[in-house]
């Protein structure tokens, strides 16, 4: 039996707000764009409006997102983007999970 090259503290340090699958999906969508509107995120994630709103609220409260509400041609438009903290937190999350998978011997697809 071999010891893992990652310690329990590293695993425990994983951001639990980001680790939830729906929020991980939202963060992944936002990571590759400058910003996105609510309808785009809803389409990309397949979530209901209420479910998406709930997860966006948690991510915003954690400081990961900036949410801007405005009117465009007399219609409401909600735009969501990652904050600097959100992008850095997601980078750390990805590197921690990647290190864990590497320590477990998982190979890249």
PDB file of N, CA and C in Angstrom:
ATOM      1  N   UNK A   1       0.844  -1.168   0.000  1.00  0.00           N
ATOM      2  CA  UNK A   1       0.000   0.000   0.000  1.00  0.00           C
ATOM      3  C   UNK A   1       0.899   1.244   0.000  1.00  0.00           C
ATOM      4  N   UNK A   2       0.556   2.222  -0.829  1.00  0.00           N
ATOM      5  CA  UNK A   2       1.364   3.434  -0.881  1.00  0.00           C
ATOM      6  C   UNK A   2       0.591   4.606  -0.297  1.00  0.00           C
ATOM      7  N   UNK A   3       1.315   5.560   0.214  1.00  0.00           N
ATOM      8  CA  UNK A   3       0.686   6.751   0.809  1.00  0.00           C
ATOM      9  C   UNK A   3       0.302   7.729  -0.292  1.00  0.00           C
ATOM     10  N   UNK A   4      -0.766   8.453  -0.063  1.00  0.00           N
ATOM     11  CA  UNK A   4      -1.175   9.491  -1.000  1.00  0.00           C
ATOM     12  C   UNK A   4      -0.204  10.662  -0.921  1.00  0.00           C
ATOM     13  N   UNK A   5       0.006  11.315  -2.043  1.00  0.00           N
ATOM     14  CA  UNK A   5       0.895  12.474  -2.093  1.00  0.00           C
ATOM     15  C   UNK A   5       0.142  13.766  -1.810  1.00  0.00           C
ATOM     16  N   UNK A   6      -1.058  13.652  -1.341  1.00  0.00           N
ATOM     17  CA  UNK A   6      -1.856  14.818  -0.973  1.00  0.00           C
ATOM     18  C   UNK A   6      -2.381  14.543   0.433  1.00  0.00           C
ATOM     19  N   UNK A   7      -2.412  15.571   1.259  1.00  0.00           N
ATOM     20  CA  UNK A   7      -2.835  15.315   2.636  1.00  0.00           C
ATOM     21  C   UNK A   7      -4.302  15.677   2.857  1.00  0.00           C
ATOM     22  N   UNK A   8      -4.821  15.226   3.976  1.00  0.00           N
ATOM     23  CA  UNK A   8      -6.236  15.437   4.292  1.00  0.00           C
ATOM     24  C   UNK A   8      -6.587  16.918   4.385  1.00  0.00           C
ATOM     25  N   UNK A   9      -5.645  17.740   4.807  1.00  0.00           N
ATOM     26  CA  UNK A   9      -5.903  19.184   4.900  1.00  0.00           C
ATOM     27  C   UNK A   9      -6.148  19.782   3.517  1.00  0.00           C
ATOM     28  N   UNK A  10      -5.423  19.288   2.510  1.00  0.00           N
ATOM     29  CA  UNK A  10      -5.647  19.763   1.141  1.00  0.00           C
ATOM     30  C   UNK A  10      -7.055  19.412   0.681  1.00  0.00           C
ATOM     31  N   UNK A  11      -7.477  18.199   0.974  1.00  0.00           N
ATOM     32  CA  UNK A  11      -8.827  17.771   0.586  1.00  0.00           C
ATOM     33  C   UNK A  11      -9.867  18.586   1.345  1.00  0.00           C
ATOM     34  N   UNK A  12      -9.648  18.779   2.635  1.00  0.00           N
ATOM     35  CA  UNK A  12     -10.595  19.543   3.460  1.00  0.00           C
ATOM     36  C   UNK A  12     -10.660  21.006   3.048  1.00  0.00           C
ATOM     37  N   UNK A  13      -9.615  21.498   2.382  1.00  0.00           N
ATOM     38  CA  UNK A  13      -9.591  22.908   1.995  1.00  0.00           C
ATOM     39  C   UNK A  13     -10.385  23.189   0.719  1.00  0.00           C
ATOM     40  N   UNK A  14     -10.876  22.147   0.061  1.00  0.00           N
ATOM     41  CA  UNK A  14     -11.658  22.350  -1.163  1.00  0.00           C
ATOM     42  C   UNK A  14     -12.884  23.205  -0.837  1.00  0.00           C
ATOM     43  N   UNK A  15     -13.089  24.222  -1.627  1.00  0.00           N
ATOM     44  CA  UNK A  15     -14.205  25.153  -1.453  1.00  0.00           C
ATOM     45  C   UNK A  15     -15.524  24.408  -1.660  1.00  0.00           C
ATOM     46  N   UNK A  16     -16.254  24.196  -0.579  1.00  0.00           N
ATOM     47  CA  UNK A  16     -17.500  23.428  -0.642  1.00  0.00           C
ATOM     48  C   UNK A  16     -18.593  24.150  -1.425  1.00  0.00           C
ATOM     49  N   UNK A  17     -18.520  25.465  -1.472  1.00  0.00           N
ATOM     50  CA  UNK A  17     -19.494  26.219  -2.273  1.00  0.00           C
ATOM     51  C   UNK A  17     -19.297  25.870  -3.746  1.00  0.00           C
ATOM     52  N   UNK A  18     -18.058  25.787  -4.187  1.00  0.00           N
ATOM     53  CA  UNK A  18     -17.761  25.461  -5.585  1.00  0.00           C
ATOM     54  C   UNK A  18     -17.957  23.980  -5.888  1.00  0.00           C
ATOM     55  N   UNK A  19     -17.746  23.134  -4.904  1.00  0.00           N
ATOM     56  CA  UNK A  19     -17.742  21.684  -5.120  1.00  0.00           C
ATOM     57  C   UNK A  19     -19.123  21.124  -5.434  1.00  0.00           C
ATOM     58  N   UNK A  20     -20.176  21.818  -5.082  1.00  0.00           N
ATOM     59  CA  UNK A  20     -21.539  21.356  -5.365  1.00  0.00           C
ATOM     60  C   UNK A  20     -21.712  21.303  -6.887  1.00  0.00           C
ATOM     61  N   UNK A  21     -22.208  20.178  -7.441  1.00  0.00           N
ATOM     62  CA  UNK A  21     -22.246  19.998  -8.897  1.00  0.00           C
ATOM     63  C   UNK A  21     -22.901  21.123  -9.704  1.00  0.00           C
ATOM     64  N   UNK A  22     -24.027  21.632  -9.266  1.00  0.00           N
ATOM     65  CA  UNK A  22     -24.694  22.701 -10.028  1.00  0.00           C
ATOM     66  C   UNK A  22     -23.843  23.965 -10.047  1.00  0.00           C
ATOM     67  N   UNK A  23     -23.244  24.296  -8.909  1.00  0.00           N
ATOM     68  CA  UNK A  23     -22.409  25.503  -8.849  1.00  0.00           C
ATOM     69  C   UNK A  23     -21.104  25.300  -9.610  1.00  0.00           C
ATOM     70  N   UNK A  24     -20.594  24.093  -9.606  1.00  0.00           N
ATOM     71  CA  UNK A  24     -19.406  23.771 -10.396  1.00  0.00           C
ATOM     72  C   UNK A  24     -19.707  23.965 -11.885  1.00  0.00           C
ATOM     73  N   UNK A  25     -20.883  23.580 -12.305  1.00  0.00           N
ATOM     74  CA  UNK A  25     -21.310  23.765 -13.690  1.00  0.00           C
ATOM     75  C   UNK A  25     -21.401  25.259 -14.040  1.00  0.00           C
ATOM     76  N   UNK A  26     -21.992  26.052 -13.161  1.00  0.00           N
ATOM     77  CA  UNK A  26     -22.103  27.500 -13.377  1.00  0.00           C
ATOM     78  C   UNK A  26     -20.719  28.121 -13.482  1.00  0.00           C
ATOM     79  N   UNK A  27     -19.845  27.793 -12.546  1.00  0.00           N
ATOM     80  CA  UNK A  27     -18.499  28.362 -12.546  1.00  0.00           C
ATOM     81  C   UNK A  27     -17.733  27.966 -13.805  1.00  0.00           C
ATOM     82  N   UNK A  28     -17.894  26.738 -14.247  1.00  0.00           N
ATOM     83  CA  UNK A  28     -17.223  26.275 -15.463  1.00  0.00           C
ATOM     84  C   UNK A  28     -17.697  27.057 -16.685  1.00  0.00           C
ATOM     85  N   UNK A  29     -18.989  27.293 -16.764  1.00  0.00           N
ATOM     86  CA  UNK A  29     -19.540  28.083 -17.879  1.00  0.00           C
ATOM     87  C   UNK A  29     -18.996  29.510 -17.859  1.00  0.00           C
ATOM     88  N   UNK A  30     -18.936  30.116 -16.686  1.00  0.00           N
ATOM     89  CA  UNK A  30     -18.488  31.501 -16.574  1.00  0.00           C
ATOM     90  C   UNK A  30     -16.977  31.646 -16.717  1.00  0.00           C
ATOM     91  N   UNK A  31     -16.239  30.597 -16.429  1.00  0.00           N
ATOM     92  CA  UNK A  31     -14.778  30.653 -16.475  1.00  0.00           C
ATOM     93  C   UNK A  31     -14.269  30.930 -17.892  1.00  0.00           C
ATOM     94  N   UNK A  32     -15.002  30.480 -18.878  1.00  0.00           N
ATOM     95  CA  UNK A  32     -14.532  30.591 -20.265  1.00  0.00           C
ATOM     96  C   UNK A  32     -15.108  31.786 -21.024  1.00  0.00           C
ATOM     97  N   UNK A  33     -15.904  32.610 -20.353  1.00  0.00           N
ATOM     98  CA  UNK A  33     -16.468  33.812 -20.979  1.00  0.00           C
ATOM     99  C   UNK A  33     -16.224  35.017 -20.077  1.00  0.00           C
ATOM    100  N   UNK A  34     -16.322  36.203 -20.656  1.00  0.00           N
ATOM    101  CA  UNK A  34     -16.165  37.428 -19.854  1.00  0.00           C
ATOM    102  C   UNK A  34     -17.373  37.628 -18.950  1.00  0.00           C
ATOM    103  N   UNK A  35     -18.556  37.408 -19.513  1.00  0.00           N
ATOM    104  CA  UNK A  35     -19.798  37.454 -18.745  1.00  0.00           C
ATOM    105  C   UNK A  35     -20.869  36.689 -19.516  1.00  0.00           C
ATOM    106  N   UNK A  36     -21.980  36.436 -18.871  1.00  0.00           N
ATOM    107  CA  UNK A  36     -23.082  35.710 -19.509  1.00  0.00           C
ATOM    108  C   UNK A  36     -24.390  36.224 -18.945  1.00  0.00           C
ATOM    109  N   UNK A  37     -25.434  36.153 -19.747  1.00  0.00           N
ATOM    110  CA  UNK A  37     -26.721  36.553 -19.200  1.00  0.00           C
ATOM    111  C   UNK A  37     -27.425  35.334 -18.607  1.00  0.00           C
ATOM    112  N   UNK A  38     -28.452  35.613 -17.835  1.00  0.00           N
ATOM    113  CA  UNK A  38     -29.168  34.583 -17.089  1.00  0.00           C
ATOM    114  C   UNK A  38     -29.704  33.498 -18.019  1.00  0.00           C
ATOM    115  N   UNK A  39     -30.299  33.910 -19.141  1.00  0.00           N
ATOM    116  CA  UNK A  39     -30.909  32.951 -20.064  1.00  0.00           C
ATOM    117  C   UNK A  39     -29.847  32.014 -20.652  1.00  0.00           C
ATOM    118  N   UNK A  40     -28.678  32.555 -20.989  1.00  0.00           N
ATOM    119  CA  UNK A  40     -27.585  31.726 -21.496  1.00  0.00           C
ATOM    120  C   UNK A  40     -27.184  30.681 -20.457  1.00  0.00           C
ATOM    121  N   UNK A  41     -26.998  31.108 -19.221  1.00  0.00           N
ATOM    122  CA  UNK A  41     -26.618  30.163 -18.164  1.00  0.00           C
ATOM    123  C   UNK A  41     -27.696  29.116 -17.930  1.00  0.00           C
ATOM    124  N   UNK A  42     -28.937  29.544 -17.987  1.00  0.00           N
ATOM    125  CA  UNK A  42     -30.033  28.606 -17.789  1.00  0.00           C
ATOM    126  C   UNK A  42     -30.028  27.546 -18.899  1.00  0.00           C
ATOM    127  N   UNK A  43     -29.796  27.971 -20.120  1.00  0.00           N
ATOM    128  CA  UNK A  43     -29.730  27.036 -21.256  1.00  0.00           C
ATOM    129  C   UNK A  43     -28.533  26.104 -21.122  1.00  0.00           C
ATOM    130  N   UNK A  44     -27.371  26.648 -20.778  1.00  0.00           N
ATOM    131  CA  UNK A  44     -26.150  25.852 -20.680  1.00  0.00           C
ATOM    132  C   UNK A  44     -26.209  24.831 -19.549  1.00  0.00           C
ATOM    133  N   UNK A  45     -26.816  25.208 -18.436  1.00  0.00           N
ATOM    134  CA  UNK A  45     -26.840  24.320 -17.270  1.00  0.00           C
ATOM    135  C   UNK A  45     -28.053  23.395 -17.234  1.00  0.00           C
ATOM    136  N   UNK A  46     -29.118  23.768 -17.934  1.00  0.00           N
ATOM    137  CA  UNK A  46     -30.341  22.970 -17.912  1.00  0.00           C
ATOM    138  C   UNK A  46     -31.136  23.128 -16.625  1.00  0.00           C
ATOM    139  N   UNK A  47     -30.810  24.145 -15.830  1.00  0.00           N
ATOM    140  CA  UNK A  47     -31.502  24.365 -14.553  1.00  0.00           C
ATOM    141  C   UNK A  47     -32.782  25.181 -14.761  1.00  0.00           C
ATOM    142  N   UNK A  48     -33.688  25.022 -13.831  1.00  0.00           N
ATOM    143  CA  UNK A  48     -34.858  25.895 -13.838  1.00  0.00           C
ATOM    144  C   UNK A  48     -34.419  27.283 -13.389  1.00  0.00           C
ATOM    145  N   UNK A  49     -35.238  28.283 -13.677  1.00  0.00           N
ATOM    146  CA  UNK A  49     -34.907  29.642 -13.278  1.00  0.00           C
ATOM    147  C   UNK A  49     -34.716  29.784 -11.771  1.00  0.00           C
ATOM    148  N   UNK A  50     -35.597  29.167 -11.001  1.00  0.00           N
ATOM    149  CA  UNK A  50     -35.512  29.247  -9.543  1.00  0.00           C
ATOM    150  C   UNK A  50     -34.271  28.559  -8.995  1.00  0.00           C
ATOM    151  N   UNK A  51     -33.947  27.397  -9.546  1.00  0.00           N
ATOM    152  CA  UNK A  51     -32.779  26.653  -9.100  1.00  0.00           C
ATOM    153  C   UNK A  51     -31.506  27.433  -9.430  1.00  0.00           C
ATOM    154  N   UNK A  52     -31.426  27.964 -10.658  1.00  0.00           N
ATOM    155  CA  UNK A  52     -30.260  28.749 -11.054  1.00  0.00           C
ATOM    156  C   UNK A  52     -30.117  29.974 -10.163  1.00  0.00           C
ATOM    157  N   UNK A  53     -31.207  30.668  -9.909  1.00  0.00           N
ATOM    158  CA  UNK A  53     -31.164  31.854  -9.043  1.00  0.00           C
ATOM    159  C   UNK A  53     -30.627  31.528  -7.663  1.00  0.00           C
ATOM    160  N   UNK A  54     -31.069  30.409  -7.121  1.00  0.00           N
ATOM    161  CA  UNK A  54     -30.628  29.985  -5.792  1.00  0.00           C
ATOM    162  C   UNK A  54     -29.119  29.747  -5.757  1.00  0.00           C
ATOM    163  N   UNK A  55     -28.599  29.063  -6.765  1.00  0.00           N
ATOM    164  CA  UNK A  55     -27.168  28.782  -6.817  1.00  0.00           C
ATOM    165  C   UNK A  55     -26.357  30.049  -7.094  1.00  0.00           C
ATOM    166  N   UNK A  56     -26.869  30.929  -7.933  1.00  0.00           N
ATOM    167  CA  UNK A  56     -26.180  32.194  -8.196  1.00  0.00           C
ATOM    168  C   UNK A  56     -26.078  33.017  -6.917  1.00  0.00           C
ATOM    169  N   UNK A  57     -27.137  33.006  -6.123  1.00  0.00           N
ATOM    170  CA  UNK A  57     -27.148  33.755  -4.862  1.00  0.00           C
ATOM    171  C   UNK A  57     -26.043  33.244  -3.931  1.00  0.00           C
ATOM    172  N   UNK A  58     -25.909  31.926  -3.814  1.00  0.00           N
ATOM    173  CA  UNK A  58     -24.866  31.353  -2.946  1.00  0.00           C
ATOM    174  C   UNK A  58     -23.469  31.720  -3.448  1.00  0.00           C
ATOM    175  N   UNK A  59     -23.270  31.657  -4.749  1.00  0.00           N
ATOM    176  CA  UNK A  59     -21.967  31.999  -5.312  1.00  0.00           C
ATOM    177  C   UNK A  59     -21.658  33.483  -5.132  1.00  0.00           C
ATOM    178  N   UNK A  60     -22.686  34.321  -5.256  1.00  0.00           N
ATOM    179  CA  UNK A  60     -22.490  35.764  -5.053  1.00  0.00           C
ATOM    180  C   UNK A  60     -22.159  36.047  -3.593  1.00  0.00           C
ATOM    181  N   UNK A  61     -22.880  35.422  -2.670  1.00  0.00           N
ATOM    182  CA  UNK A  61     -22.637  35.620  -1.240  1.00  0.00           C
ATOM    183  C   UNK A  61     -21.221  35.193  -0.858  1.00  0.00           C
ATOM    184  N   UNK A  62     -20.678  34.210  -1.570  1.00  0.00           N
ATOM    185  CA  UNK A  62     -19.319  33.735  -1.299  1.00  0.00           C
ATOM    186  C   UNK A  62     -18.266  34.633  -1.952  1.00  0.00           C
ATOM    187  N   UNK A  63     -18.722  35.629  -2.721  1.00  0.00           N
ATOM    188  CA  UNK A  63     -17.799  36.559  -3.362  1.00  0.00           C
ATOM    189  C   UNK A  63     -17.254  36.077  -4.695  1.00  0.00           C
ATOM    190  N   UNK A  64     -17.853  35.030  -5.251  1.00  0.00           N
ATOM    191  CA  UNK A  64     -17.361  34.465  -6.505  1.00  0.00           C
ATOM    192  C   UNK A  64     -17.954  35.141  -7.744  1.00  0.00           C
ATOM    193  N   UNK A  65     -19.116  35.763  -7.605  1.00  0.00           N
ATOM    194  CA  UNK A  65     -19.806  36.324  -8.762  1.00  0.00           C
ATOM    195  C   UNK A  65     -20.165  37.791  -8.583  1.00  0.00           C
ATOM    196  N   UNK A  66     -20.268  38.463  -9.713  1.00  0.00           N
ATOM    197  CA  UNK A  66     -20.838  39.809  -9.785  1.00  0.00           C
ATOM    198  C   UNK A  66     -22.100  39.666 -10.633  1.00  0.00           C
ATOM    199  N   UNK A  67     -23.216  40.140 -10.108  1.00  0.00           N
ATOM    200  CA  UNK A  67     -24.486  40.061 -10.825  1.00  0.00           C
ATOM    201  C   UNK A  67     -24.979  41.482 -11.068  1.00  0.00           C
ATOM    202  N   UNK A  68     -25.222  41.795 -12.338  1.00  0.00           N
ATOM    203  CA  UNK A  68     -25.674  43.125 -12.721  1.00  0.00           C
ATOM    204  C   UNK A  68     -27.053  43.022 -13.343  1.00  0.00           C
ATOM    205  N   UNK A  69     -27.983  43.820 -12.830  1.00  0.00           N
ATOM    206  CA  UNK A  69     -29.344  43.847 -13.367  1.00  0.00           C
ATOM    207  C   UNK A  69     -29.553  45.189 -14.050  1.00  0.00           C
ATOM    208  N   UNK A  70     -30.054  45.138 -15.278  1.00  0.00           N
ATOM    209  CA  UNK A  70     -30.288  46.360 -16.046  1.00  0.00           C
ATOM    210  C   UNK A  70     -31.468  46.135 -16.984  1.00  0.00           C
ATOM    211  N   UNK A  71     -31.854  47.204 -17.654  1.00  0.00           N
ATOM    212  CA  UNK A  71     -32.896  47.103 -18.665  1.00  0.00           C
ATOM    213  C   UNK A  71     -32.271  47.365 -20.028  1.00  0.00           C
ATOM    214  N   UNK A  72     -32.649  46.539 -20.993  1.00  0.00           N
ATOM    215  CA  UNK A  72     -32.174  46.681 -22.359  1.00  0.00           C
ATOM    216  C   UNK A  72     -33.395  46.623 -23.267  1.00  0.00           C
ATOM    217  N   UNK A  73     -33.659  47.729 -23.968  1.00  0.00           N
ATOM    218  CA  UNK A  73     -34.877  47.827 -24.792  1.00  0.00           C
ATOM    219  C   UNK A  73     -36.132  47.541 -23.965  1.00  0.00           C
ATOM    220  N   UNK A  74     -36.183  48.145 -22.791  1.00  0.00           N
ATOM    221  CA  UNK A  74     -37.318  48.006 -21.863  1.00  0.00           C
ATOM    222  C   UNK A  74     -37.529  46.582 -21.344  1.00  0.00           C
ATOM    223  N   UNK A  75     -36.517  45.735 -21.464  1.00  0.00           N
ATOM    224  CA  UNK A  75     -36.620  44.373 -20.949  1.00  0.00           C
ATOM    225  C   UNK A  75     -35.516  44.158 -19.914  1.00  0.00           C
ATOM    226  N   UNK A  76     -35.843  43.473 -18.824  1.00  0.00           N
ATOM    227  CA  UNK A  76     -34.817  43.229 -17.806  1.00  0.00           C
ATOM    228  C   UNK A  76     -33.740  42.278 -18.337  1.00  0.00           C
ATOM    229  N   UNK A  77     -32.503  42.548 -17.955  1.00  0.00           N
ATOM    230  CA  UNK A  77     -31.381  41.690 -18.361  1.00  0.00           C
ATOM    231  C   UNK A  77     -30.444  41.541 -17.172  1.00  0.00           C
ATOM    232  N   UNK A  78     -30.186  40.302 -16.809  1.00  0.00           N
ATOM    233  CA  UNK A  78     -29.270  39.992 -15.719  1.00  0.00           C
ATOM    234  C   UNK A  78     -27.991  39.434 -16.318  1.00  0.00           C
ATOM    235  N   UNK A  79     -26.877  40.084 -15.981  1.00  0.00           N
ATOM    236  CA  UNK A  79     -25.569  39.657 -16.476  1.00  0.00           C
ATOM    237  C   UNK A  79     -24.734  39.178 -15.296  1.00  0.00           C
ATOM    238  N   UNK A  80     -24.074  38.052 -15.492  1.00  0.00           N
ATOM    239  CA  UNK A  80     -23.288  37.436 -14.430  1.00  0.00           C
ATOM    240  C   UNK A  80     -21.841  37.275 -14.907  1.00  0.00           C
ATOM    241  N   UNK A  81     -20.899  37.578 -14.017  1.00  0.00           N
ATOM    242  CA  UNK A  81     -19.484  37.379 -14.338  1.00  0.00           C
ATOM    243  C   UNK A  81     -18.748  36.927 -13.078  1.00  0.00           C
ATOM    244  N   UNK A  82     -17.596  36.317 -13.300  1.00  0.00           N
ATOM    245  CA  UNK A  82     -16.756  35.931 -12.173  1.00  0.00           C
ATOM    246  C   UNK A  82     -16.046  37.160 -11.628  1.00  0.00           C
ATOM    247  N   UNK A  83     -15.925  37.232 -10.324  1.00  0.00           N
ATOM    248  CA  UNK A  83     -15.087  38.260  -9.711  1.00  0.00           C
ATOM    249  C   UNK A  83     -13.645  37.773  -9.771  1.00  0.00           C
ATOM    250  N   UNK A  84     -12.716  38.646  -9.448  1.00  0.00           N
ATOM    251  CA  UNK A  84     -11.306  38.241  -9.387  1.00  0.00           C
ATOM    252  C   UNK A  84     -11.163  37.107  -8.372  1.00  0.00           C
ATOM    253  N   UNK A  85     -11.809  37.262  -7.226  1.00  0.00           N
ATOM    254  CA  UNK A  85     -11.791  36.228  -6.191  1.00  0.00           C
ATOM    255  C   UNK A  85     -12.393  34.925  -6.710  1.00  0.00           C
ATOM    256  N   UNK A  86     -13.479  35.032  -7.468  1.00  0.00           N
ATOM    257  CA  UNK A  86     -14.127  33.844  -8.019  1.00  0.00           C
ATOM    258  C   UNK A  86     -13.229  33.087  -8.974  1.00  0.00           C
ATOM    259  N   UNK A  87     -12.537  33.821  -9.839  1.00  0.00           N
ATOM    260  CA  UNK A  87     -11.616  33.200 -10.799  1.00  0.00           C
ATOM    261  C   UNK A  87     -10.441  32.543 -10.062  1.00  0.00           C
ATOM    262  N   UNK A  88      -9.891  33.243  -9.071  1.00  0.00           N
ATOM    263  CA  UNK A  88      -8.779  32.681  -8.295  1.00  0.00           C
ATOM    264  C   UNK A  88      -9.224  31.456  -7.502  1.00  0.00           C
ATOM    265  N   UNK A  89     -10.410  31.514  -6.922  1.00  0.00           N
ATOM    266  CA  UNK A  89     -10.930  30.377  -6.159  1.00  0.00           C
ATOM    267  C   UNK A  89     -11.163  29.171  -7.052  1.00  0.00           C
ATOM    268  N   UNK A  90     -11.657  29.413  -8.260  1.00  0.00           N
ATOM    269  CA  UNK A  90     -11.897  28.318  -9.199  1.00  0.00           C
ATOM    270  C   UNK A  90     -10.569  27.718  -9.652  1.00  0.00           C
ATOM    271  N   UNK A  91      -9.564  28.560  -9.906  1.00  0.00           N
ATOM    272  CA  UNK A  91      -8.235  28.061 -10.266  1.00  0.00           C
ATOM    273  C   UNK A  91      -7.685  27.159  -9.154  1.00  0.00           C
ATOM    274  N   UNK A  92      -7.809  27.607  -7.901  1.00  0.00           N
ATOM    275  CA  UNK A  92      -7.333  26.826  -6.767  1.00  0.00           C
ATOM    276  C   UNK A  92      -8.105  25.511  -6.647  1.00  0.00           C
ATOM    277  N   UNK A  93      -9.420  25.573  -6.839  1.00  0.00           N
ATOM    278  CA  UNK A  93     -10.256  24.372  -6.788  1.00  0.00           C
ATOM    279  C   UNK A  93      -9.775  23.355  -7.829  1.00  0.00           C
ATOM    280  N   UNK A  94      -9.580  23.814  -9.064  1.00  0.00           N
ATOM    281  CA  UNK A  94      -9.158  22.919 -10.149  1.00  0.00           C
ATOM    282  C   UNK A  94      -7.781  22.316  -9.847  1.00  0.00           C
ATOM    283  N   UNK A  95      -6.851  23.136  -9.367  1.00  0.00           N
ATOM    284  CA  UNK A  95      -5.509  22.603  -9.094  1.00  0.00           C
ATOM    285  C   UNK A  95      -5.536  21.611  -7.930  1.00  0.00           C
ATOM    286  N   UNK A  96      -6.342  21.854  -6.923  1.00  0.00           N
ATOM    287  CA  UNK A  96      -6.440  20.932  -5.788  1.00  0.00           C
ATOM    288  C   UNK A  96      -7.057  19.606  -6.202  1.00  0.00           C
ATOM    289  N   UNK A  97      -8.139  19.668  -6.958  1.00  0.00           N
ATOM    290  CA  UNK A  97      -8.794  18.434  -7.421  1.00  0.00           C
ATOM    291  C   UNK A  97      -7.872  17.679  -8.383  1.00  0.00           C
ATOM    292  N   UNK A  98      -7.188  18.403  -9.250  1.00  0.00           N
ATOM    293  CA  UNK A  98      -6.245  17.767 -10.183  1.00  0.00           C
ATOM    294  C   UNK A  98      -5.128  17.052  -9.427  1.00  0.00           C
ATOM    295  N   UNK A  99      -4.588  17.699  -8.387  1.00  0.00           N
ATOM    296  CA  UNK A  99      -3.530  17.087  -7.581  1.00  0.00           C
ATOM    297  C   UNK A  99      -4.049  15.822  -6.888  1.00  0.00           C
ATOM    298  N   UNK A 100      -5.269  15.878  -6.392  1.00  0.00           N
ATOM    299  CA  UNK A 100      -5.859  14.712  -5.745  1.00  0.00           C
ATOM    300  C   UNK A 100      -5.999  13.568  -6.738  1.00  0.00           C
ATOM    301  N   UNK A 101      -6.510  13.858  -7.922  1.00  0.00           N
ATOM    302  CA  UNK A 101      -6.674  12.817  -8.926  1.00  0.00           C
ATOM    303  C   UNK A 101      -5.330  12.237  -9.355  1.00  0.00           C
ATOM    304  N   UNK A 102      -4.332  13.092  -9.484  1.00  0.00           N
ATOM    305  CA  UNK A 102      -2.990  12.629  -9.837  1.00  0.00           C
ATOM    306  C   UNK A 102      -2.444  11.721  -8.727  1.00  0.00           C
ATOM    307  N   UNK A 103      -2.643  12.122  -7.475  1.00  0.00           N
ATOM    308  CA  UNK A 103      -2.166  11.330  -6.337  1.00  0.00           C
ATOM    309  C   UNK A 103      -2.853   9.956  -6.284  1.00  0.00           C
ATOM    310  N   UNK A 104      -4.080   9.904  -6.765  1.00  0.00           N
ATOM    311  CA  UNK A 104      -4.803   8.634  -6.790  1.00  0.00           C
ATOM    312  C   UNK A 104      -4.419   7.769  -7.984  1.00  0.00           C
ATOM    313  N   UNK A 105      -3.609   8.333  -8.877  1.00  0.00           N
ATOM    314  CA  UNK A 105      -3.150   7.576 -10.027  1.00  0.00           C
ATOM    315  C   UNK A 105      -4.063   7.663 -11.227  1.00  0.00           C
ATOM    316  N   UNK A 106      -5.000   8.606 -11.210  1.00  0.00           N
ATOM    317  CA  UNK A 106      -5.895   8.767 -12.357  1.00  0.00           C
ATOM    318  C   UNK A 106      -5.121   9.332 -13.529  1.00  0.00           C
ATOM    319  N   UNK A 107      -5.404   8.785 -14.702  1.00  0.00           N
ATOM    320  CA  UNK A 107      -4.734   9.254 -15.904  1.00  0.00           C
ATOM    321  C   UNK A 107      -5.645  10.233 -16.637  1.00  0.00           C
ATOM    322  N   UNK A 108      -5.029  11.151 -17.366  1.00  0.00           N
ATOM    323  CA  UNK A 108      -5.815  12.090 -18.170  1.00  0.00           C
ATOM    324  C   UNK A 108      -6.497  11.320 -19.294  1.00  0.00           C
ATOM    325  N   UNK A 109      -7.718  11.758 -19.644  1.00  0.00           N
ATOM    326  CA  UNK A 109      -8.429  11.059 -20.743  1.00  0.00           C
ATOM    327  C   UNK A 109      -7.732  11.246 -22.070  1.00  0.00           C
TER     328      UNK A 109
END
